[in-house]
N, C-alpha and C. Protein backbone atom coordinates (compact mmCIF):
# COMPACT_ATOMS: atom_id res chain seq x y z
N MET A 1 66.81 148.32 111.72
CA MET A 1 67.57 147.13 111.61
C MET A 1 68.74 147.27 112.64
N SER A 2 68.72 146.09 113.17
CA SER A 2 70.19 145.88 114.09
C SER A 2 71.34 145.35 113.09
N PRO A 3 72.38 145.75 113.64
CA PRO A 3 73.56 145.52 113.07
C PRO A 3 73.80 143.74 113.14
N THR A 4 73.42 143.19 114.15
CA THR A 4 73.41 141.66 113.95
C THR A 4 72.78 141.18 112.77
N LEU A 5 71.39 141.57 112.67
CA LEU A 5 70.52 141.07 111.59
C LEU A 5 71.09 141.37 110.17
N ILE A 6 71.87 142.62 110.09
CA ILE A 6 72.38 142.85 108.56
C ILE A 6 73.62 142.03 108.57
N ASP A 7 74.29 141.78 109.70
CA ASP A 7 75.58 140.71 109.41
C ASP A 7 74.84 139.40 108.97
N LEU A 8 73.83 138.96 109.52
CA LEU A 8 73.51 137.62 109.35
C LEU A 8 72.88 137.56 107.94
N LEU A 9 72.25 138.55 107.38
CA LEU A 9 71.84 138.89 106.00
C LEU A 9 72.88 138.79 105.10
N LEU A 10 74.00 139.51 105.35
CA LEU A 10 75.07 139.59 104.36
C LEU A 10 75.94 138.36 104.47
N CYS A 11 76.01 137.77 105.55
CA CYS A 11 76.67 136.35 105.50
C CYS A 11 75.70 135.22 104.91
N GLY A 12 74.38 135.45 104.90
CA GLY A 12 73.59 134.57 103.98
C GLY A 12 73.74 134.66 102.54
N LEU A 13 73.70 135.97 102.46
CA LEU A 13 73.94 136.30 100.87
C LEU A 13 75.19 135.84 100.32
N ALA A 14 76.37 136.24 101.16
CA ALA A 14 77.79 135.64 100.48
C ALA A 14 77.86 134.20 100.64
N TYR A 15 77.18 133.28 101.54
CA TYR A 15 77.11 132.01 101.34
C TYR A 15 76.39 131.43 99.95
N VAL A 16 75.08 131.86 99.59
CA VAL A 16 74.68 131.58 98.63
C VAL A 16 75.22 132.11 97.12
N VAL A 17 75.99 133.22 97.21
CA VAL A 17 76.99 133.59 96.02
C VAL A 17 77.94 132.50 95.82
N ILE A 18 78.55 132.13 96.96
CA ILE A 18 79.77 131.34 96.91
C ILE A 18 79.48 129.95 96.50
N SER A 19 78.28 129.39 97.00
CA SER A 19 77.72 128.11 96.64
C SER A 19 77.53 128.12 95.39
N TYR A 20 76.74 129.21 94.65
CA TYR A 20 76.53 129.26 93.32
C TYR A 20 77.83 129.09 92.36
N PHE A 21 78.66 129.92 92.92
CA PHE A 21 79.89 129.81 91.94
C PHE A 21 80.72 128.68 92.07
N LEU A 22 80.74 128.04 93.24
CA LEU A 22 81.37 126.55 93.27
C LEU A 22 80.78 125.62 92.47
N GLY A 23 79.26 125.56 92.42
CA GLY A 23 78.54 124.58 91.62
C GLY A 23 78.76 124.87 90.23
N VAL A 24 79.02 126.06 89.75
CA VAL A 24 79.30 126.17 88.39
C VAL A 24 80.54 125.96 87.98
N TRP A 25 81.59 126.23 88.88
CA TRP A 25 82.99 126.02 88.64
C TRP A 25 83.24 124.45 88.63
N SER A 26 82.36 123.68 89.52
CA SER A 26 82.55 122.17 89.60
C SER A 26 81.94 121.56 88.37
N LYS A 27 80.86 122.24 87.73
CA LYS A 27 80.31 121.41 86.46
C LYS A 27 81.30 121.79 85.42
N PHE A 28 81.76 122.96 85.37
CA PHE A 28 82.83 123.25 84.50
C PHE A 28 83.99 122.33 84.48
N GLN A 29 84.43 122.05 85.39
CA GLN A 29 85.58 121.16 85.69
C GLN A 29 85.36 119.92 85.13
N GLN A 30 84.21 119.22 85.15
CA GLN A 30 84.00 117.81 84.67
C GLN A 30 83.94 117.69 83.13
N VAL A 31 84.92 116.96 82.72
CA VAL A 31 85.06 116.87 81.28
C VAL A 31 84.61 115.65 80.96
N PRO A 32 83.65 115.33 80.06
CA PRO A 32 83.21 114.03 79.83
C PRO A 32 84.26 113.39 78.78
N THR A 33 84.40 112.08 79.08
CA THR A 33 85.63 111.33 78.40
C THR A 33 84.69 110.53 77.17
N SER A 34 85.36 110.60 76.08
CA SER A 34 84.90 110.08 74.97
C SER A 34 84.95 108.55 74.94
N ASN A 35 85.94 108.01 75.59
CA ASN A 35 86.23 106.44 75.65
C ASN A 35 85.27 105.87 76.61
N SER A 36 85.03 104.75 76.47
CA SER A 36 84.19 103.78 77.15
C SER A 36 84.80 102.92 78.03
N ASP A 37 86.05 103.13 78.44
CA ASP A 37 86.94 102.43 79.20
C ASP A 37 86.71 103.00 80.55
N ASP A 38 86.22 102.14 81.70
CA ASP A 38 86.09 102.53 83.02
C ASP A 38 87.14 102.53 84.04
N SER A 39 88.22 101.85 83.32
CA SER A 39 89.59 101.51 84.12
C SER A 39 90.32 102.83 84.30
N GLU A 40 91.09 102.84 85.50
CA GLU A 40 91.91 103.94 85.65
C GLU A 40 93.13 103.99 84.81
N GLY A 41 93.56 102.91 84.14
CA GLY A 41 94.47 102.82 83.26
C GLY A 41 95.80 102.21 83.98
N GLY A 42 96.82 101.86 83.21
CA GLY A 42 98.01 101.33 83.83
C GLY A 42 97.79 99.92 83.77
N LYS A 43 98.96 99.22 84.02
CA LYS A 43 98.91 97.73 84.06
C LYS A 43 98.80 97.30 85.41
N PHE A 44 97.97 96.13 85.73
CA PHE A 44 97.42 95.54 86.87
C PHE A 44 98.36 94.62 87.22
N ASP A 45 99.03 94.40 88.23
CA ASP A 45 100.05 93.61 88.67
C ASP A 45 99.53 92.82 90.04
N SER A 46 99.04 91.54 89.69
CA SER A 46 98.56 90.88 91.03
C SER A 46 99.81 90.04 91.81
N ASN A 47 100.86 90.16 91.39
CA ASN A 47 101.78 89.41 92.18
C ASN A 47 102.13 90.24 93.74
N PRO A 48 102.28 89.53 94.77
CA PRO A 48 102.57 90.26 95.99
C PRO A 48 104.03 90.92 95.84
N PRO A 49 104.27 92.03 96.65
CA PRO A 49 105.61 92.57 96.58
C PRO A 49 106.60 91.71 97.13
N VAL A 50 107.80 91.83 96.48
CA VAL A 50 108.84 91.28 97.14
C VAL A 50 109.64 91.99 98.34
N LEU A 51 109.40 91.18 99.36
CA LEU A 51 109.98 91.89 100.82
C LEU A 51 111.20 91.19 101.21
N ASP A 52 112.14 91.98 101.91
CA ASP A 52 113.48 91.44 102.46
C ASP A 52 113.03 91.08 103.81
N LEU A 53 112.64 90.03 104.12
CA LEU A 53 112.34 89.81 105.57
C LEU A 53 113.53 89.15 106.15
N PRO A 54 113.54 89.45 107.63
CA PRO A 54 114.69 88.79 108.53
C PRO A 54 114.93 87.64 108.42
N PRO A 55 115.85 86.88 108.72
CA PRO A 55 115.81 85.33 108.89
C PRO A 55 114.86 84.97 109.98
N GLY A 56 114.28 84.00 109.71
CA GLY A 56 113.34 83.14 110.57
C GLY A 56 111.95 83.77 110.54
N ILE A 57 111.76 84.60 109.47
CA ILE A 57 110.16 85.23 109.41
C ILE A 57 109.96 84.69 107.82
N SER A 58 108.86 84.18 107.83
CA SER A 58 108.19 83.55 106.36
C SER A 58 107.06 84.51 106.04
N TRP A 59 106.84 84.61 104.88
CA TRP A 59 105.40 85.19 104.41
C TRP A 59 104.48 83.95 104.20
N ARG A 60 103.37 84.32 104.56
CA ARG A 60 102.07 83.34 104.26
C ARG A 60 101.92 83.41 102.82
N GLU A 61 101.45 82.24 102.30
CA GLU A 61 101.01 82.32 100.91
C GLU A 61 99.87 82.86 100.70
N LYS A 62 98.72 82.69 101.50
CA LYS A 62 97.43 83.44 101.34
C LYS A 62 97.11 83.66 102.79
N GLU A 63 96.70 85.07 103.05
CA GLU A 63 95.97 85.34 104.38
C GLU A 63 94.48 85.23 104.26
N LEU A 64 93.88 84.54 105.10
CA LEU A 64 92.28 84.70 105.18
C LEU A 64 92.04 85.82 106.13
N VAL A 65 90.97 86.23 105.86
CA VAL A 65 90.45 87.37 106.80
C VAL A 65 89.01 86.60 107.15
N ASP A 66 88.52 87.43 108.21
CA ASP A 66 87.18 86.79 108.68
C ASP A 66 86.05 86.58 107.79
N SER A 67 85.92 87.57 106.90
CA SER A 67 84.79 87.46 105.78
C SER A 67 84.96 86.36 104.89
N GLU A 68 86.30 85.79 104.62
CA GLU A 68 86.71 84.84 103.68
C GLU A 68 86.20 83.58 104.51
N ILE A 69 86.42 83.41 105.95
CA ILE A 69 86.41 82.04 106.54
C ILE A 69 84.85 81.75 106.37
N PHE A 70 83.86 82.75 106.68
CA PHE A 70 82.67 82.24 107.01
C PHE A 70 81.70 82.26 105.44
N GLN A 71 82.29 82.19 104.60
CA GLN A 71 81.53 81.98 103.24
C GLN A 71 81.11 80.57 102.86
């Protein structure tokens, strides 16, 4: 057998072994949650941030994007 073929076989074997261990490790890391709440948690604040704008610059009340105009 040529050294190149042996290197390819060893690289393939290493790839399979590493893929197997990563798959087992990632399944082990996934802990099922007992609560049925799908939210990330925390308080949702829908107010826009308070910005200190320079004089003469005003903040629009609501900015429309292209997808909202054509609805």
